[in-house]
Protein backbone atom coordinates (compact mmCIF):
# COMPACT_ATOMS: atom_id res chain seq x y z
CA UNK A 1 -7.58 -47.48 65.32
CA UNK A 2 -5.60 -44.44 66.48
CA UNK A 3 -3.75 -44.48 63.13
CA UNK A 4 -7.05 -44.57 61.23
CA UNK A 5 -8.43 -41.60 63.18
CA UNK A 6 -5.19 -39.69 62.59
CA UNK A 7 -5.37 -40.41 58.87
CA UNK A 8 -9.01 -39.28 58.73
CA UNK A 9 -8.26 -36.00 60.52
CA UNK A 10 -5.22 -35.36 58.29
CA UNK A 11 -7.23 -36.03 55.12
CA UNK A 12 -10.02 -33.67 56.25
CA UNK A 13 -7.47 -30.97 56.94
CA UNK A 14 -5.99 -31.43 53.46
CA UNK A 15 -9.44 -31.05 51.82
CA UNK A 16 -10.16 -27.92 53.85
CA UNK A 17 -6.95 -26.33 52.55
CA UNK A 18 -7.74 -27.15 48.91
CA UNK A 19 -8.74 -24.10 46.89
CA UNK A 20 -12.45 -23.87 46.21
CA UNK A 21 -13.61 -23.27 42.65
CA UNK A 22 -14.40 -19.70 41.69
CA UNK A 23 -18.06 -18.83 42.15
CA UNK A 24 -20.29 -18.56 39.11
CA UNK A 25 -21.03 -14.85 38.97
CA UNK A 26 -24.14 -14.04 36.91
CA UNK A 27 -22.93 -10.54 36.14
CA UNK A 28 -20.67 -11.30 33.18
CA UNK A 29 -19.43 -7.88 32.18
CA UNK A 30 -18.11 -9.11 28.81
CA UNK A 31 -21.41 -10.25 27.26
CA UNK A 32 -23.65 -7.67 28.95
CA UNK A 33 -21.32 -4.84 27.92
CA UNK A 34 -20.85 -6.21 24.40
CA UNK A 35 -24.61 -6.48 23.96
CA UNK A 36 -25.42 -2.97 25.18
CA UNK A 37 -22.42 -1.22 23.57
CA UNK A 38 -23.12 -2.92 20.23
CA UNK A 39 -26.77 -1.89 20.40
CA UNK A 40 -25.66 1.71 20.84
CA UNK A 41 -22.63 1.79 18.49
CA UNK A 42 -24.31 -0.01 15.60
CA UNK A 43 -27.65 1.75 16.17
CA UNK A 44 -29.47 -1.50 16.85
CA UNK A 45 -32.95 -2.19 18.13
CA UNK A 46 -33.16 -4.33 21.30
CA UNK A 47 -36.42 -6.27 21.49
CA UNK A 48 -38.13 -9.67 21.32
CA UNK A 49 -38.50 -10.75 17.71
CA UNK A 50 -37.49 -13.25 15.01
CA UNK A 51 -39.38 -16.51 15.09
CA UNK A 52 -36.82 -19.19 14.41
CA UNK A 53 -36.23 -22.43 16.25
CA UNK A 54 -32.48 -21.82 16.52
CA UNK A 55 -30.87 -18.58 17.69
CA UNK A 56 -27.06 -18.80 17.74
CA UNK A 57 -23.80 -16.94 17.71
CA UNK A 58 -20.16 -17.96 17.29
CA UNK A 59 -17.58 -16.60 19.66
CA UNK A 60 -14.00 -16.75 20.92
CA UNK A 61 -12.31 -15.73 24.14
CA UNK A 62 -8.86 -14.14 24.24
CA UNK A 63 -7.85 -15.72 27.57
CA UNK A 64 -8.77 -19.06 29.18
CA UNK A 65 -12.32 -18.96 30.56
CA UNK A 66 -14.65 -21.49 32.17
CA UNK A 67 -18.38 -21.23 31.46
CA UNK A 68 -20.51 -22.14 34.47
CA UNK A 69 -23.94 -20.70 33.66
CA UNK A 70 -26.23 -19.70 30.78
CA UNK A 71 -28.55 -16.69 30.96
CA UNK A 72 -31.70 -16.38 28.88
CA UNK A 73 -35.28 -15.04 29.00
CA UNK A 74 -38.14 -17.32 27.99
CA UNK A 75 -41.21 -16.32 26.05
CA UNK A 76 -44.30 -16.21 28.33
CA UNK A 77 -46.05 -19.11 26.53
CA UNK A 78 -42.95 -21.27 27.07
CA UNK A 79 -42.09 -20.30 30.65
CA UNK A 80 -42.49 -23.91 31.77
CA UNK A 81 -41.08 -25.46 28.58
CA UNK A 82 -37.36 -26.26 28.50
CA UNK A 83 -35.08 -24.72 25.88
CA UNK A 84 -32.24 -26.87 24.60
CA UNK A 85 -28.85 -25.16 24.73
CA UNK A 86 -25.84 -26.52 22.89
CA UNK A 87 -22.29 -25.25 22.85
CA UNK A 88 -20.31 -26.51 19.89
CA UNK A 89 -16.59 -26.64 19.31
CA UNK A 90 -16.85 -25.13 15.84
CA UNK A 91 -13.37 -26.27 14.81
CA UNK A 92 -13.94 -29.96 15.64
CA UNK A 93 -17.68 -29.73 14.84
CA UNK A 94 -18.57 -31.48 18.10
CA UNK A 95 -20.97 -30.66 20.93
CA UNK A 96 -19.10 -29.81 24.14
CA UNK A 97 -22.26 -29.05 26.14
CA UNK A 98 -25.93 -29.90 25.72
CA UNK A 99 -28.66 -29.32 28.29
CA UNK A 100 -32.31 -28.31 28.60
CA UNK A 101 -33.28 -25.46 30.92
CA UNK A 102 -36.35 -23.45 31.96
CA UNK A 103 -36.01 -19.65 32.26
CA UNK A 104 -38.06 -16.78 33.63
CA UNK A 105 -40.37 -15.01 31.19
CA UNK A 106 -40.05 -11.63 32.94
CA UNK A 107 -36.26 -11.13 32.95
CA UNK A 108 -33.01 -12.89 32.15
CA UNK A 109 -32.49 -15.78 34.55
CA UNK A 110 -29.59 -18.20 34.83
CA UNK A 111 -29.11 -21.97 34.70
CA UNK A 112 -25.95 -23.58 36.04
CA UNK A 113 -24.03 -25.96 33.81
CA UNK A 114 -21.03 -28.18 34.55
CA UNK A 115 -17.83 -26.13 34.22
CA UNK A 116 -16.78 -25.89 30.57
CA UNK A 117 -13.23 -24.72 29.87
CA UNK A 118 -12.72 -22.63 26.76
CA UNK A 119 -9.48 -22.47 24.76
CA UNK A 120 -8.37 -18.95 23.83
CA UNK A 121 -8.80 -17.93 20.17
CA UNK A 122 -10.77 -21.11 19.45
CA UNK A 123 -14.22 -20.74 17.86
CA UNK A 124 -17.32 -21.99 19.67
CA UNK A 125 -21.01 -21.65 18.82
CA UNK A 126 -23.83 -21.39 21.35
CA UNK A 127 -27.31 -22.40 20.17
CA UNK A 128 -30.70 -21.83 21.77
CA UNK A 129 -33.08 -24.42 20.31
CA UNK A 130 -36.86 -24.58 20.77
CA UNK A 131 -38.94 -27.10 18.82
CA UNK A 132 -41.79 -27.60 21.33
CA UNK A 133 -44.13 -24.70 20.51
CA UNK A 134 -47.60 -24.00 19.11
CA UNK A 135 -47.35 -20.51 17.60
CA UNK A 136 -44.41 -18.94 15.77
CA UNK A 137 -44.62 -16.03 18.20
CA UNK A 138 -43.62 -18.50 20.96
CA UNK A 139 -40.14 -18.96 19.50
CA UNK A 140 -39.12 -15.33 19.21
CA UNK A 141 -36.35 -14.19 21.53
CA UNK A 142 -34.59 -11.08 22.76
CA UNK A 143 -32.10 -9.88 20.15
CA UNK A 144 -30.38 -6.75 18.91
CA UNK A 145 -30.48 -5.95 15.20
CA UNK A 146 -30.18 -3.04 12.81
CA UNK A 147 -33.32 -1.60 11.19
CA UNK A 148 -34.65 -3.86 8.41
CA UNK A 149 -32.18 -6.51 9.60
CA UNK A 150 -29.24 -4.97 7.74
CA UNK A 151 -25.91 -6.76 8.20
CA UNK A 152 -24.07 -6.08 11.47
CA UNK A 153 -20.33 -5.46 11.56
CA UNK A 154 -18.54 -8.56 12.91
CA UNK A 155 -16.35 -9.36 14.76
CA UNK A 156 -17.59 -7.51 17.83
CA UNK A 157 -15.29 -7.47 20.88
CA UNK A 158 -15.66 -6.53 24.54
CA UNK A 159 -13.21 -7.53 27.25
CA UNK A 160 -12.09 -11.09 26.54
CA UNK A 161 -15.17 -11.94 24.41
CA UNK A 162 -15.32 -11.72 20.63
CA UNK A 163 -18.53 -12.59 18.74
CA UNK A 164 -17.57 -13.55 15.19
CA UNK A 165 -20.96 -14.28 13.58
CA UNK A 166 -24.61 -15.10 14.23
CA UNK A 167 -27.22 -17.32 12.66
CA UNK A 168 -30.98 -17.81 13.08
CA UNK A 169 -32.71 -20.71 11.31
CA UNK A 170 -35.47 -23.32 11.42
CA UNK A 171 -39.19 -22.68 10.81
CA UNK A 172 -38.49 -19.38 9.03
CA UNK A 173 -35.99 -17.92 6.64
CA UNK A 174 -32.31 -18.04 7.54
CA UNK A 175 -30.84 -14.87 9.02
CA UNK A 176 -27.03 -14.63 9.01
CA UNK A 177 -24.94 -11.91 10.70
CA UNK A 178 -27.88 -9.53 11.06
CA UNK A 179 -28.62 -9.88 14.80
CA UNK A 180 -27.21 -11.09 18.12
CA UNK A 181 -29.40 -13.20 20.43
CA UNK A 182 -29.31 -12.32 24.12
CA UNK A 183 -27.71 -15.55 25.36
CA UNK A 184 -25.42 -14.70 28.27
CA UNK A 185 -22.56 -17.13 28.89
CA UNK A 186 -21.23 -16.64 32.40
CA UNK A 187 -17.66 -17.42 33.50
CA UNK A 188 -16.25 -18.54 36.83
């Protein structure tokens, strides 16, 4: 019995010394900076528009990163309706994360996801999908775009993040490389 207690105390001590995972900080300077600097540099408009079921962008990171949270702002009519988010490995054409989340309609809010490690210089695509709506206005989202939806200049880089393209589709015409949806991917 004394040996068992000693083992238990030793194993607790070992766990206490183990490094804890990095916290999930919802102030990702890479995406937030990229979004605001791009809006300014490419003379973009930042507002809620474009009624498509899927808002997406493809991206790479230049150093290893681990996604732990997704930031988004819901439309008021859908504030209690989950949005489906998928992160695809664009090279292997496989889903590496899929989950439904509810977000605030008044500001960007964040939903935790299981840690997802990203490989540097590997292309991923994040998709915001909403198919449970009544009016087309319900599926608009916050985006930046040039006047008359002229083509944006990709790739766009900030810190370790590089957005390589964007795509909006479903329930309306397809829009390619003419806007960036405000989908914040947060790293540990």
